[in-house]
């Protein structure tokens, strides 16, 4: 006589899956340990490392909507610029405290993201591309037109930031700037990691894979899209604030189209939909850009474009394979040494 075996409840299976995704892997610990040790390993590369950290946070913001919700955007620089100008104007006219300016920039970018999120609710990917691009172009023209506030083509000058936490002034070597940017990146990454390993993150994946099926199961598609778009805008605003505060200058360049285009390449290089893709893509892109521009100052854009085409066509799979083998070898080595 067959015995009826009790089946685990669906909620229990989902809970176990989410719990497994929240666990830290050895490779993640090693990665963040290396980023924290970077000032000691590369003491002369702090300024470049700061740029990498800011670009990584910017790429993380795009990955939230592209990799997890399937929303393509060619105007993500709008939120970067909103955060940069908000932080710069706040420091110039109100308070030079970096953390307070960071909060103001995040709120300003989040508000812009919330107001514009309703424009991307309907339409295909092509429509969303045009809408997001149009928003960025509108902000660029507004920043250029109101030059009395933004500085126009000359940029927002005269920004002077106070010491971080009242104790650590921004130095010319960029050590404080990098540690500040890295700390913000790590905290926001933790929040994104937790968020994407929650039922909210699962619902975003469902919307990305099959919106009709997600809607049939009771997922509020429009509400989820508005929420994640607003959060992504806030993350991009934080990256803009870090850029303005660590360089103490803001120009129209933060709203240029190439910012959004480069960001899309960064996410594609690293791989969308796993959070670390934008960070790894930012590292590769900035290091490659810095090395080639030093070797060939006149033709660096040509070589970067050529390498990116080759990498996107076949090199990304090779990179992911190397990362997977490295993680497996590291885990095997640790298991052998464990008692």
Protein backbone atom coordinates (compact mmCIF):
# COMPACT_ATOMS: atom_id res chain seq x y z
CA UNK A 1 0.00 0.00 0.00
CA UNK A 2 1.46 3.31 -1.04
CA UNK A 3 2.05 5.77 1.69
CA UNK A 4 1.15 9.40 1.19
CA UNK A 5 4.26 11.47 1.76
CA UNK A 6 3.56 15.01 2.89
CA UNK A 7 4.61 17.64 0.42
CA UNK A 8 6.33 20.76 1.66
CA UNK A 9 4.25 23.90 1.45
CA UNK A 10 5.00 26.32 -1.35
CA UNK A 11 5.80 29.04 1.16
CA UNK A 12 8.41 26.77 2.78
CA UNK A 13 10.07 26.11 -0.58
CA UNK A 14 10.13 29.80 -1.41
CA UNK A 15 11.54 30.59 2.03
CA UNK A 16 14.32 28.04 1.64
CA UNK A 17 15.17 29.39 -1.82
CA UNK A 18 15.35 32.96 -0.58
CA UNK A 19 17.39 31.93 2.46
CA UNK A 20 19.88 30.15 0.22
CA UNK A 21 20.23 33.22 -1.97
CA UNK A 22 20.89 35.43 1.04
CA UNK A 23 23.86 33.35 2.17
CA UNK A 24 27.26 34.85 1.51
CA UNK A 25 29.56 32.84 -0.72
CA UNK A 26 33.30 32.66 -0.22
CA UNK A 27 33.98 34.46 -3.49
CA UNK A 28 31.89 37.43 -2.35
CA UNK A 29 33.83 37.75 0.90
CA UNK A 30 37.14 37.62 -0.97
CA UNK A 31 35.94 40.20 -3.50
CA UNK A 32 34.89 42.78 -0.93
CA UNK A 33 37.99 42.07 1.12
CA UNK A 34 40.13 42.94 -1.89
CA UNK A 35 38.22 46.17 -2.49
CA UNK A 36 38.79 47.20 1.13
CA UNK A 37 42.51 46.36 0.86
CA UNK A 38 42.91 48.27 -2.43
CA UNK A 39 44.27 51.45 -0.75
CA UNK A 40 47.18 49.42 0.60
CA UNK A 41 47.80 47.49 -2.62
CA UNK A 42 47.41 50.47 -4.99
CA UNK A 43 48.24 53.60 -2.98
CA UNK A 44 48.78 55.66 -6.14
CA UNK A 45 45.57 54.60 -7.82
CA UNK A 46 43.04 56.02 -5.39
CA UNK A 47 41.55 58.48 -7.87
CA UNK A 48 40.99 55.75 -10.45
CA UNK A 49 39.56 53.42 -7.81
CA UNK A 50 37.16 56.15 -6.75
CA UNK A 51 35.93 56.50 -10.34
CA UNK A 52 35.49 52.72 -10.51
CA UNK A 53 33.43 52.68 -7.30
CA UNK A 54 31.15 55.47 -8.54
CA UNK A 55 30.69 53.84 -11.94
CA UNK A 56 29.99 50.51 -10.21
CA UNK A 57 27.21 52.09 -8.15
CA UNK A 58 25.82 53.74 -11.28
CA UNK A 59 25.88 50.38 -13.08
CA UNK A 60 24.23 48.69 -10.10
CA UNK A 61 21.35 51.15 -10.39
CA UNK A 62 20.80 50.25 -14.06
CA UNK A 63 21.05 46.54 -13.31
CA UNK A 64 18.13 46.84 -10.90
CA UNK A 65 15.77 47.80 -13.72
CA UNK A 66 17.45 46.13 -16.69
CA UNK A 67 18.63 42.85 -15.23
CA UNK A 68 15.78 42.21 -12.80
CA UNK A 69 12.75 44.03 -14.24
CA UNK A 70 13.67 43.98 -17.93
CA UNK A 71 13.36 47.75 -18.37
CA UNK A 72 15.82 49.09 -20.92
CA UNK A 73 16.98 52.69 -20.60
CA UNK A 74 19.16 55.01 -22.60
CA UNK A 75 18.58 57.99 -20.34
CA UNK A 76 19.77 56.78 -16.97
CA UNK A 77 22.20 59.70 -16.88
CA UNK A 78 19.21 61.90 -16.01
CA UNK A 79 19.24 60.54 -12.46
CA UNK A 80 23.03 60.71 -12.22
CA UNK A 81 22.86 64.37 -13.19
CA UNK A 82 19.97 65.09 -10.86
CA UNK A 83 21.91 63.67 -7.94
CA UNK A 84 25.11 65.47 -8.91
CA UNK A 85 23.47 68.89 -9.25
CA UNK A 86 21.40 68.40 -6.09
CA UNK A 87 24.50 67.53 -4.05
CA UNK A 88 26.55 70.31 -5.63
CA UNK A 89 23.92 73.02 -5.13
CA UNK A 90 23.25 71.85 -1.58
CA UNK A 91 26.95 72.03 -0.70
CA UNK A 92 27.31 75.40 -2.39
CA UNK A 93 24.32 77.17 -0.86
CA UNK A 94 23.16 75.22 2.22
CA UNK A 95 25.54 72.80 3.94
CA UNK A 96 28.90 71.29 3.01
CA UNK A 97 28.38 68.08 5.00
CA UNK A 98 28.86 65.14 2.56
CA UNK A 99 26.38 62.72 4.17
CA UNK A 100 23.59 65.30 4.35
CA UNK A 101 24.21 66.23 0.73
CA UNK A 102 24.14 62.55 -0.20
CA UNK A 103 20.70 62.13 1.38
CA UNK A 104 19.40 65.23 -0.42
CA UNK A 105 20.71 63.96 -3.75
CA UNK A 106 19.16 60.52 -3.24
CA UNK A 107 15.78 62.07 -2.43
CA UNK A 108 15.93 64.42 -5.43
CA UNK A 109 16.80 61.62 -7.84
CA UNK A 110 14.17 59.32 -6.30
CA UNK A 111 11.52 61.99 -6.77
CA UNK A 112 12.52 62.42 -10.40
CA UNK A 113 12.47 58.66 -10.88
CA UNK A 114 9.01 58.38 -9.32
CA UNK A 115 7.57 61.16 -11.49
CA UNK A 116 9.01 59.73 -14.70
CA UNK A 117 8.33 56.07 -13.88
CA UNK A 118 4.75 56.40 -15.09
CA UNK A 119 6.10 57.16 -18.58
CA UNK A 120 7.74 53.73 -18.86
CA UNK A 121 4.77 51.69 -17.68
CA UNK A 122 3.37 51.24 -21.15
CA UNK A 123 4.94 50.48 -24.49
CA UNK A 124 7.59 48.18 -25.82
CA UNK A 125 11.33 48.25 -25.18
CA UNK A 126 11.82 50.61 -28.13
CA UNK A 127 9.27 53.02 -26.69
CA UNK A 128 10.99 52.93 -23.32
CA UNK A 129 14.34 53.60 -24.94
CA UNK A 130 12.99 56.72 -26.62
CA UNK A 131 11.14 57.93 -23.52
CA UNK A 132 14.14 57.55 -21.21
CA UNK A 133 16.43 59.16 -23.77
CA UNK A 134 14.01 62.06 -24.15
CA UNK A 135 13.92 62.64 -20.38
CA UNK A 136 17.70 62.85 -20.24
CA UNK A 137 17.80 65.26 -23.18
CA UNK A 138 15.18 67.47 -21.55
CA UNK A 139 17.16 67.64 -18.33
CA UNK A 140 20.33 68.45 -20.26
CA UNK A 141 18.63 71.39 -22.00
CA UNK A 142 17.11 72.61 -18.72
CA UNK A 143 20.50 72.52 -17.01
CA UNK A 144 22.02 74.37 -19.94
CA UNK A 145 19.24 76.97 -20.04
CA UNK A 146 19.24 77.79 -16.32
CA UNK A 147 22.92 78.64 -16.30
CA UNK A 148 22.46 81.11 -13.45
CA UNK A 149 21.73 78.13 -11.20
CA UNK A 150 23.68 75.27 -12.75
CA UNK A 151 26.60 77.19 -14.23
CA UNK A 152 25.66 76.06 -17.74
CA UNK A 153 28.56 75.10 -19.96
CA UNK A 154 31.05 76.44 -17.42
CA UNK A 155 29.85 74.00 -14.79
CA UNK A 156 28.95 74.40 -11.14
CA UNK A 157 32.10 75.81 -9.60
CA UNK A 158 33.17 76.81 -6.12
CA UNK A 159 31.99 73.64 -4.38
CA UNK A 160 33.88 72.97 -1.16
CA UNK A 161 33.06 69.87 0.87
CA UNK A 162 33.48 69.59 4.60
CA UNK A 163 35.27 66.69 6.29
CA UNK A 164 33.55 63.32 6.17
CA UNK A 165 31.90 62.68 9.56
CA UNK A 166 33.63 65.87 10.66
CA UNK A 167 36.92 63.96 10.94
CA UNK A 168 38.25 62.97 7.51
CA UNK A 169 38.93 65.77 5.01
CA UNK A 170 39.04 64.98 1.31
CA UNK A 171 42.70 64.70 0.32
CA UNK A 172 44.37 65.17 -3.06
CA UNK A 173 45.41 61.51 -3.21
CA UNK A 174 41.77 60.43 -3.15
CA UNK A 175 42.03 58.03 -0.20
CA UNK A 176 39.08 59.52 1.70
CA UNK A 177 37.09 59.83 -1.52
CA UNK A 178 37.59 56.16 -2.39
CA UNK A 179 36.77 54.85 1.07
CA UNK A 180 33.68 57.07 1.14
CA UNK A 181 32.50 55.92 -2.30
CA UNK A 182 33.28 52.29 -1.50
CA UNK A 183 31.35 52.46 1.77
CA UNK A 184 28.28 53.90 0.06
CA UNK A 185 28.56 51.30 -2.70
CA UNK A 186 28.81 48.46 -0.19
CA UNK A 187 25.86 49.63 1.92
CA UNK A 188 23.62 50.10 -1.12
CA UNK A 189 24.80 46.78 -2.54
CA UNK A 190 23.78 45.05 0.69
CA UNK A 191 20.35 46.66 0.42
CA UNK A 192 20.01 45.60 -3.23
CA UNK A 193 21.19 42.08 -2.46
CA UNK A 194 18.65 41.72 0.31
CA UNK A 195 15.93 43.23 -1.83
CA UNK A 196 16.54 40.95 -4.80
CA UNK A 197 16.61 37.88 -2.53
CA UNK A 198 13.12 38.72 -1.26
CA UNK A 199 9.62 38.11 -2.63
CA UNK A 200 9.83 41.56 -4.20
CA UNK A 201 12.90 40.49 -6.19
CA UNK A 202 11.18 37.28 -7.27
CA UNK A 203 8.20 39.27 -8.49
CA UNK A 204 10.51 41.48 -10.56
CA UNK A 205 12.00 38.40 -12.22
CA UNK A 206 8.51 37.15 -12.95
CA UNK A 207 7.63 40.47 -14.60
CA UNK A 208 10.82 40.35 -16.65
CA UNK A 209 10.29 36.78 -17.85
CA UNK A 210 6.54 36.85 -18.51
CA UNK A 211 4.46 39.92 -17.59
CA UNK A 212 1.15 38.28 -18.54
CA UNK A 213 1.78 35.26 -16.34
CA UNK A 214 2.96 37.49 -13.49
CA UNK A 215 -0.21 39.55 -13.76
CA UNK A 216 -2.33 36.39 -13.79
CA UNK A 217 -0.74 35.24 -10.52
CA UNK A 218 -1.68 38.49 -8.81
CA UNK A 219 1.53 40.50 -9.11
CA UNK A 220 0.87 44.24 -9.27
CA UNK A 221 3.05 44.91 -12.29
CA UNK A 222 2.69 48.69 -12.47
CA UNK A 223 3.31 49.13 -8.77
CA UNK A 224 6.43 46.95 -8.87
CA UNK A 225 7.82 48.81 -11.88
CA UNK A 226 7.24 52.21 -10.29
CA UNK A 227 8.92 51.03 -7.08
CA UNK A 228 12.03 49.52 -8.65
CA UNK A 229 12.39 52.43 -11.09
CA UNK A 230 12.29 54.88 -8.18
CA UNK A 231 14.84 52.84 -6.22
CA UNK A 232 17.14 52.60 -9.26
CA UNK A 233 16.90 56.37 -9.72
CA UNK A 234 17.85 56.86 -6.07
CA UNK A 235 20.91 54.64 -6.53
CA UNK A 236 21.95 56.61 -9.62
CA UNK A 237 21.44 59.84 -7.68
CA UNK A 238 23.77 58.54 -4.97
CA UNK A 239 26.41 57.88 -7.64
CA UNK A 240 25.94 61.43 -8.95
CA UNK A 241 26.31 62.84 -5.44
CA UNK A 242 29.55 60.92 -4.91
CA UNK A 243 30.86 62.23 -8.23
CA UNK A 244 30.04 65.83 -7.34
CA UNK A 245 31.37 65.63 -3.79
CA UNK A 246 34.64 63.84 -4.53
CA UNK A 247 35.51 66.02 -7.54
CA UNK A 248 33.88 69.17 -6.11
CA UNK A 249 32.67 70.10 -9.56
CA UNK A 250 29.55 69.42 -11.64
CA UNK A 251 29.21 70.03 -15.37
CA UNK A 252 26.72 69.27 -18.13
CA UNK A 253 28.80 66.21 -18.91
CA UNK A 254 26.93 64.24 -16.22
CA UNK A 255 23.80 64.50 -18.37
CA UNK A 256 25.43 63.69 -21.69
CA UNK A 257 24.20 60.74 -23.77
CA UNK A 258 27.56 58.98 -23.61
CA UNK A 259 27.08 58.47 -19.87
CA UNK A 260 24.00 56.32 -20.49
CA UNK A 261 25.59 54.55 -23.46
CA UNK A 262 28.78 53.71 -21.56
CA UNK A 263 26.67 52.50 -18.65
CA UNK A 264 24.78 50.11 -20.91
CA UNK A 265 28.10 48.72 -22.15
CA UNK A 266 29.35 48.28 -18.58
CA UNK A 267 26.30 46.23 -17.60
CA UNK A 268 26.49 44.18 -20.80
CA UNK A 269 30.18 43.44 -20.21
CA UNK A 270 29.65 42.23 -16.66
CA UNK A 271 26.29 40.59 -17.30
CA UNK A 272 22.87 41.82 -16.20
CA UNK A 273 20.73 40.26 -13.52
CA UNK A 274 23.23 39.23 -10.83
CA UNK A 275 24.25 42.55 -9.17
CA UNK A 276 27.98 41.82 -9.45
CA UNK A 277 27.80 42.22 -13.22
CA UNK A 278 27.75 46.00 -13.09
CA UNK A 279 30.58 46.11 -10.55
CA UNK A 280 32.83 43.76 -12.54
CA UNK A 281 31.93 45.55 -15.76
CA UNK A 282 32.85 48.90 -14.20
CA UNK A 283 36.24 47.56 -13.13
CA UNK A 284 37.03 46.18 -16.57
CA UNK A 285 35.74 49.25 -18.41
CA UNK A 286 37.59 51.84 -16.34
CA UNK A 287 40.87 49.91 -16.22
CA UNK A 288 40.68 49.31 -19.95
CA UNK A 289 39.83 52.94 -20.63
CA UNK A 290 42.67 54.21 -18.45
CA UNK A 291 45.29 51.84 -19.88
CA UNK A 292 44.43 52.41 -23.55
CA UNK A 293 44.10 56.19 -23.20
CA UNK A 294 47.61 56.29 -21.73
CA UNK A 295 49.01 54.10 -24.52
CA UNK A 296 47.26 55.83 -27.44
CA UNK A 297 45.88 59.23 -26.41
CA UNK A 298 44.61 60.03 -29.91
CA UNK A 299 42.95 56.73 -30.84
CA UNK A 300 41.92 55.26 -27.49
CA UNK A 301 38.20 55.38 -28.32
CA UNK A 302 38.74 53.29 -31.45
CA UNK A 303 40.61 50.54 -29.57
CA UNK A 304 38.12 50.53 -26.71
CA UNK A 305 35.25 50.23 -29.19
CA UNK A 306 36.99 47.37 -31.00
CA UNK A 307 37.76 45.49 -27.80
CA UNK A 308 34.23 45.97 -26.52
CA UNK A 309 32.76 44.56 -29.72
CA UNK A 310 35.02 41.51 -29.51
CA UNK A 311 34.33 41.09 -25.82
CA UNK A 312 30.55 41.34 -26.13
CA UNK A 313 30.51 38.88 -29.03
CA UNK A 314 32.50 36.15 -27.28
CA UNK A 315 34.63 37.31 -24.43
CA UNK A 316 31.88 37.63 -21.85
CA UNK A 317 31.25 33.88 -21.82
CA UNK A 318 34.97 33.28 -21.38
CA UNK A 319 35.08 35.72 -18.45
CA UNK A 320 32.09 34.11 -16.75
CA UNK A 321 33.66 30.68 -17.23
CA UNK A 322 36.90 31.84 -15.65
CA UNK A 323 35.02 33.34 -12.70
CA UNK A 324 33.05 30.13 -12.18
CA UNK A 325 36.20 27.98 -12.27
CA UNK A 326 37.98 30.38 -9.90
CA UNK A 327 35.14 30.18 -7.39
CA UNK A 328 35.08 26.38 -7.61
CA UNK A 329 38.85 26.12 -7.16
CA UNK A 330 38.79 28.49 -4.18
CA UNK A 331 35.95 26.59 -2.50
CA UNK A 332 37.77 23.30 -3.10
CA UNK A 333 40.97 24.67 -1.60
CA UNK A 334 39.16 25.88 1.51
CA UNK A 335 37.31 22.57 1.94
CA UNK A 336 40.62 20.68 1.83
CA UNK A 337 42.16 22.84 4.55
CA UNK A 338 39.08 22.70 6.75
CA UNK A 339 39.40 20.17 9.64
